[in-house]
């Protein structure tokens, strides 16, 4: 798995080397950057801006109170966008 901004490069390089994607290998990125659509990269989409807002609010609250937040776990919704870089394993690899 790779960040989507760099995830397309390995997919492209492996394809140039003759690796069938999907087929022999599947590729998945994270954050659904615009490049994921360019490379037809399957992606775990997440609300990047919302994550930034949450982090900034927590940091400001910590600075004001001078005490760390009670929890270090924050959950945001994600969803899988299946595109052309994933498939079931090939039953007859070469």
C-alpha atoms as a PDB file:
ATOM      1  CA  UNK A   1       0.000   0.000   0.000  1.00  0.00           C
ATOM      2  CA  UNK A   2       1.311   3.466  -0.758  1.00  0.00           C
ATOM      3  CA  UNK A   3       0.226   7.051  -0.500  1.00  0.00           C
ATOM      4  CA  UNK A   4      -1.617   7.847  -3.708  1.00  0.00           C
ATOM      5  CA  UNK A   5       0.791  10.609  -4.726  1.00  0.00           C
ATOM      6  CA  UNK A   6       3.585   8.058  -5.045  1.00  0.00           C
ATOM      7  CA  UNK A   7       1.470   4.915  -5.472  1.00  0.00           C
ATOM      8  CA  UNK A   8       1.118   5.272  -9.224  1.00  0.00           C
ATOM      9  CA  UNK A   9       4.855   5.220  -9.860  1.00  0.00           C
ATOM     10  CA  UNK A  10       5.463   1.671  -8.602  1.00  0.00           C
ATOM     11  CA  UNK A  11       2.381   0.484 -10.485  1.00  0.00           C
ATOM     12  CA  UNK A  12       3.728   2.084 -13.667  1.00  0.00           C
ATOM     13  CA  UNK A  13       7.279   0.753 -13.134  1.00  0.00           C
ATOM     14  CA  UNK A  14       6.097  -2.781 -12.378  1.00  0.00           C
ATOM     15  CA  UNK A  15       3.857  -2.735 -15.439  1.00  0.00           C
ATOM     16  CA  UNK A  16       6.828  -1.612 -17.567  1.00  0.00           C
ATOM     17  CA  UNK A  17       8.827  -4.542 -16.139  1.00  0.00           C
ATOM     18  CA  UNK A  18       6.168  -6.970 -17.345  1.00  0.00           C
ATOM     19  CA  UNK A  19       4.351  -7.511 -14.046  1.00  0.00           C
ATOM     20  CA  UNK A  20       0.622  -7.780 -14.682  1.00  0.00           C
ATOM     21  CA  UNK A  21      -1.325  -5.370 -12.471  1.00  0.00           C
ATOM     22  CA  UNK A  22      -3.801  -6.586 -11.524  1.00  0.00           C
ATOM     23  CA  UNK A  23      -3.169 -10.282 -12.002  1.00  0.00           C
ATOM     24  CA  UNK A  24       0.220 -11.014 -10.546  1.00  0.00           C
ATOM     25  CA  UNK A  25       0.067  -8.099  -8.129  1.00  0.00           C
ATOM     26  CA  UNK A  26      -2.564  -5.674  -6.841  1.00  0.00           C
ATOM     27  CA  UNK A  27      -1.862  -2.098  -5.839  1.00  0.00           C
ATOM     28  CA  UNK A  28      -3.732   0.108  -3.374  1.00  0.00           C
ATOM     29  CA  UNK A  29      -3.190   3.757  -2.465  1.00  0.00           C
ATOM     30  CA  UNK A  30      -4.460   5.888   0.386  1.00  0.00           C
ATOM     31  CA  UNK A  31      -6.318   9.238   0.376  1.00  0.00           C
ATOM     32  CA  UNK A  32      -7.804   9.316  -3.163  1.00  0.00           C
ATOM     33  CA  UNK A  33      -5.512  12.016  -4.496  1.00  0.00           C
ATOM     34  CA  UNK A  34      -6.283  13.185  -8.047  1.00  0.00           C
ATOM     35  CA  UNK A  35      -3.409  11.028  -9.326  1.00  0.00           C
ATOM     36  CA  UNK A  36      -5.231   7.885  -8.208  1.00  0.00           C
ATOM     37  CA  UNK A  37      -7.754   8.430 -10.992  1.00  0.00           C
ATOM     38  CA  UNK A  38      -4.961   9.052 -13.513  1.00  0.00           C
ATOM     39  CA  UNK A  39      -3.316   5.717 -12.663  1.00  0.00           C
ATOM     40  CA  UNK A  40      -6.687   3.955 -12.148  1.00  0.00           C
ATOM     41  CA  UNK A  41      -5.364   3.142  -8.656  1.00  0.00           C
ATOM     42  CA  UNK A  42      -7.631   1.412  -6.142  1.00  0.00           C
ATOM     43  CA  UNK A  43      -7.695   3.685  -3.100  1.00  0.00           C
ATOM     44  CA  UNK A  44      -8.761   3.819   0.526  1.00  0.00           C
ATOM     45  CA  UNK A  45     -10.425   7.234   0.520  1.00  0.00           C
ATOM     46  CA  UNK A  46     -10.351   9.276   3.693  1.00  0.00           C
ATOM     47  CA  UNK A  47     -11.330  12.858   4.562  1.00  0.00           C
ATOM     48  CA  UNK A  48      -7.844  14.407   4.475  1.00  0.00           C
ATOM     49  CA  UNK A  49      -9.015  17.972   5.154  1.00  0.00           C
ATOM     50  CA  UNK A  50     -11.176  16.814   8.059  1.00  0.00           C
ATOM     51  CA  UNK A  51      -8.198  14.961   9.538  1.00  0.00           C
ATOM     52  CA  UNK A  52      -6.192  18.181   9.312  1.00  0.00           C
ATOM     53  CA  UNK A  53      -8.946  20.181  11.018  1.00  0.00           C
ATOM     54  CA  UNK A  54      -9.197  17.631  13.830  1.00  0.00           C
ATOM     55  CA  UNK A  55      -5.433  17.655  14.330  1.00  0.00           C
ATOM     56  CA  UNK A  56      -5.297  21.470  14.379  1.00  0.00           C
ATOM     57  CA  UNK A  57      -8.147  21.727  16.899  1.00  0.00           C
ATOM     58  CA  UNK A  58      -6.527  19.145  19.165  1.00  0.00           C
ATOM     59  CA  UNK A  59      -3.165  20.900  18.947  1.00  0.00           C
ATOM     60  CA  UNK A  60      -4.668  24.294  19.823  1.00  0.00           C
ATOM     61  CA  UNK A  61      -6.666  22.786  22.701  1.00  0.00           C
ATOM     62  CA  UNK A  62      -3.495  21.137  23.992  1.00  0.00           C
ATOM     63  CA  UNK A  63      -1.559  24.407  23.757  1.00  0.00           C
ATOM     64  CA  UNK A  64      -4.274  26.322  25.634  1.00  0.00           C
ATOM     65  CA  UNK A  65      -4.769  23.745  28.395  1.00  0.00           C
ATOM     66  CA  UNK A  66      -1.106  22.703  28.557  1.00  0.00           C
ATOM     67  CA  UNK A  67      -2.347  19.129  28.993  1.00  0.00           C
ATOM     68  CA  UNK A  68      -2.281  16.444  26.319  1.00  0.00           C
ATOM     69  CA  UNK A  69      -5.620  15.199  24.977  1.00  0.00           C
ATOM     70  CA  UNK A  70      -7.266  12.390  26.942  1.00  0.00           C
ATOM     71  CA  UNK A  71      -7.234  10.063  23.953  1.00  0.00           C
ATOM     72  CA  UNK A  72      -4.823   9.616  21.094  1.00  0.00           C
ATOM     73  CA  UNK A  73      -7.296   7.724  18.922  1.00  0.00           C
ATOM     74  CA  UNK A  74      -9.494   9.605  16.484  1.00  0.00           C
ATOM     75  CA  UNK A  75     -11.545   7.671  13.953  1.00  0.00           C
ATOM     76  CA  UNK A  76     -12.659   9.145  10.639  1.00  0.00           C
ATOM     77  CA  UNK A  77     -14.772   7.431   7.995  1.00  0.00           C
ATOM     78  CA  UNK A  78     -13.024   5.718   5.089  1.00  0.00           C
ATOM     79  CA  UNK A  79     -14.217   3.791   2.078  1.00  0.00           C
ATOM     80  CA  UNK A  80     -12.628   1.640  -0.583  1.00  0.00           C
ATOM     81  CA  UNK A  81     -12.718   2.891  -4.168  1.00  0.00           C
ATOM     82  CA  UNK A  82     -12.030  -0.157  -6.314  1.00  0.00           C
ATOM     83  CA  UNK A  83     -10.379   0.726  -9.598  1.00  0.00           C
ATOM     84  CA  UNK A  84      -8.182  -1.088 -12.080  1.00  0.00           C
ATOM     85  CA  UNK A  85      -5.199  -2.042  -9.894  1.00  0.00           C
ATOM     86  CA  UNK A  86      -6.835  -4.781  -7.825  1.00  0.00           C
ATOM     87  CA  UNK A  87      -8.256  -8.181  -8.699  1.00  0.00           C
ATOM     88  CA  UNK A  88      -8.493 -11.671  -7.219  1.00  0.00           C
ATOM     89  CA  UNK A  89      -5.216 -13.605  -7.360  1.00  0.00           C
ATOM     90  CA  UNK A  90      -4.419 -15.287 -10.653  1.00  0.00           C
ATOM     91  CA  UNK A  91      -5.072 -19.047 -10.196  1.00  0.00           C
ATOM     92  CA  UNK A  92      -2.404 -19.855 -12.794  1.00  0.00           C
ATOM     93  CA  UNK A  93       0.584 -17.551 -12.234  1.00  0.00           C
ATOM     94  CA  UNK A  94       3.255 -17.709 -14.896  1.00  0.00           C
END
